[in-house]
């Protein structure tokens, strides 16, 4: 249990940051889910537009410290490969 004033303040700050990060992570996952649903539906045009919307959101999560840069790049790459495979 935090006893010093500084430790108590850190606990309050962590709670606030956790709420913000959770919101950002949920938003990013929603964009990814839209792409995956379009892929599952087999609609390439919708999947491409959803991917175009998801890419900046995923990279924004990198700048906000939610994801590592390579993780975000991997997610985008795999989604793009799945979207491109729809036409084949």
Protein backbone atom coordinates (compact mmCIF):
# COMPACT_ATOMS: atom_id res chain seq x y z
CA UNK A 1 0.00 0.00 0.00
CA UNK A 2 1.28 3.44 -0.91
CA UNK A 3 2.04 5.47 2.20
CA UNK A 4 4.10 8.45 1.12
CA UNK A 5 2.37 11.39 -0.54
CA UNK A 6 4.48 10.92 -3.67
CA UNK A 7 3.49 7.25 -3.94
CA UNK A 8 -0.18 8.12 -3.49
CA UNK A 9 0.10 10.73 -6.23
CA UNK A 10 1.72 8.16 -8.57
CA UNK A 11 -1.20 5.80 -7.95
CA UNK A 12 -3.65 8.54 -8.94
CA UNK A 13 -1.65 9.36 -12.07
CA UNK A 14 -1.41 5.70 -13.08
CA UNK A 15 -5.19 5.31 -12.76
CA UNK A 16 -5.75 8.28 -15.07
CA UNK A 17 -3.21 7.10 -17.63
CA UNK A 18 -4.64 3.57 -17.56
CA UNK A 19 -8.10 4.91 -18.41
CA UNK A 20 -6.74 6.97 -21.31
CA UNK A 21 -4.64 4.11 -22.67
CA UNK A 22 -7.57 1.70 -22.40
CA UNK A 23 -9.73 4.07 -24.41
CA UNK A 24 -7.09 4.45 -27.12
CA UNK A 25 -6.48 0.70 -27.30
CA UNK A 26 -10.21 0.03 -27.63
CA UNK A 27 -10.49 2.60 -30.42
CA UNK A 28 -7.60 1.01 -32.31
CA UNK A 29 -9.06 -2.48 -31.93
CA UNK A 30 -12.41 -1.25 -33.24
CA UNK A 31 -10.75 -0.04 -36.45
CA UNK A 32 -8.95 -3.38 -36.82
CA UNK A 33 -12.20 -5.26 -36.23
CA UNK A 34 -13.90 -3.27 -39.03
CA UNK A 35 -11.18 -4.39 -41.45
CA UNK A 36 -11.47 -8.02 -40.32
CA UNK A 37 -15.27 -7.97 -40.67
CA UNK A 38 -14.96 -6.59 -44.21
CA UNK A 39 -12.44 -9.33 -45.03
CA UNK A 40 -14.76 -11.97 -43.60
CA UNK A 41 -17.61 -10.53 -45.67
CA UNK A 42 -15.49 -10.80 -48.80
CA UNK A 43 -16.03 -7.18 -49.81
CA UNK A 44 -12.67 -5.94 -51.09
CA UNK A 45 -13.69 -2.30 -51.60
CA UNK A 46 -15.02 -2.00 -48.05
CA UNK A 47 -11.97 -3.81 -46.70
CA UNK A 48 -9.63 -1.42 -48.51
CA UNK A 49 -11.37 1.68 -47.19
CA UNK A 50 -11.47 0.19 -43.68
CA UNK A 51 -7.74 -0.57 -43.90
CA UNK A 52 -7.04 2.97 -45.10
CA UNK A 53 -8.88 4.29 -42.04
CA UNK A 54 -7.21 1.81 -39.68
CA UNK A 55 -3.61 2.47 -40.70
CA UNK A 56 -3.27 5.97 -39.22
CA UNK A 57 -5.13 4.87 -36.10
CA UNK A 58 -2.72 1.99 -35.56
CA UNK A 59 0.31 4.23 -36.12
CA UNK A 60 -1.16 6.83 -33.79
CA UNK A 61 -1.18 4.21 -31.07
CA UNK A 62 2.58 3.95 -31.58
CA UNK A 63 3.10 7.66 -30.94
CA UNK A 64 0.91 7.43 -27.84
CA UNK A 65 2.89 4.50 -26.45
CA UNK A 66 0.18 1.87 -26.78
CA UNK A 67 2.05 -0.31 -29.29
CA UNK A 68 5.65 -0.80 -30.33
CA UNK A 69 6.45 0.47 -33.81
CA UNK A 70 7.29 -2.98 -35.19
CA UNK A 71 4.11 -4.48 -33.73
CA UNK A 72 2.02 -1.83 -35.45
CA UNK A 73 3.85 -2.35 -38.73
CA UNK A 74 3.31 -6.09 -38.48
CA UNK A 75 -0.42 -5.64 -37.84
CA UNK A 76 -0.79 -3.31 -40.82
CA UNK A 77 1.24 -5.59 -43.06
CA UNK A 78 -0.80 -8.67 -42.19
CA UNK A 79 -4.09 -6.86 -42.63
CA UNK A 80 -2.96 -5.49 -45.99
CA UNK A 81 -1.89 -8.95 -47.14
CA UNK A 82 -5.30 -10.35 -46.20
CA UNK A 83 -7.10 -7.53 -48.03
CA UNK A 84 -4.95 -8.04 -51.15
CA UNK A 85 -5.63 -11.78 -51.06
CA UNK A 86 -9.36 -11.14 -51.49
CA UNK A 87 -8.99 -10.51 -55.22
CA UNK A 88 -6.89 -13.63 -55.82
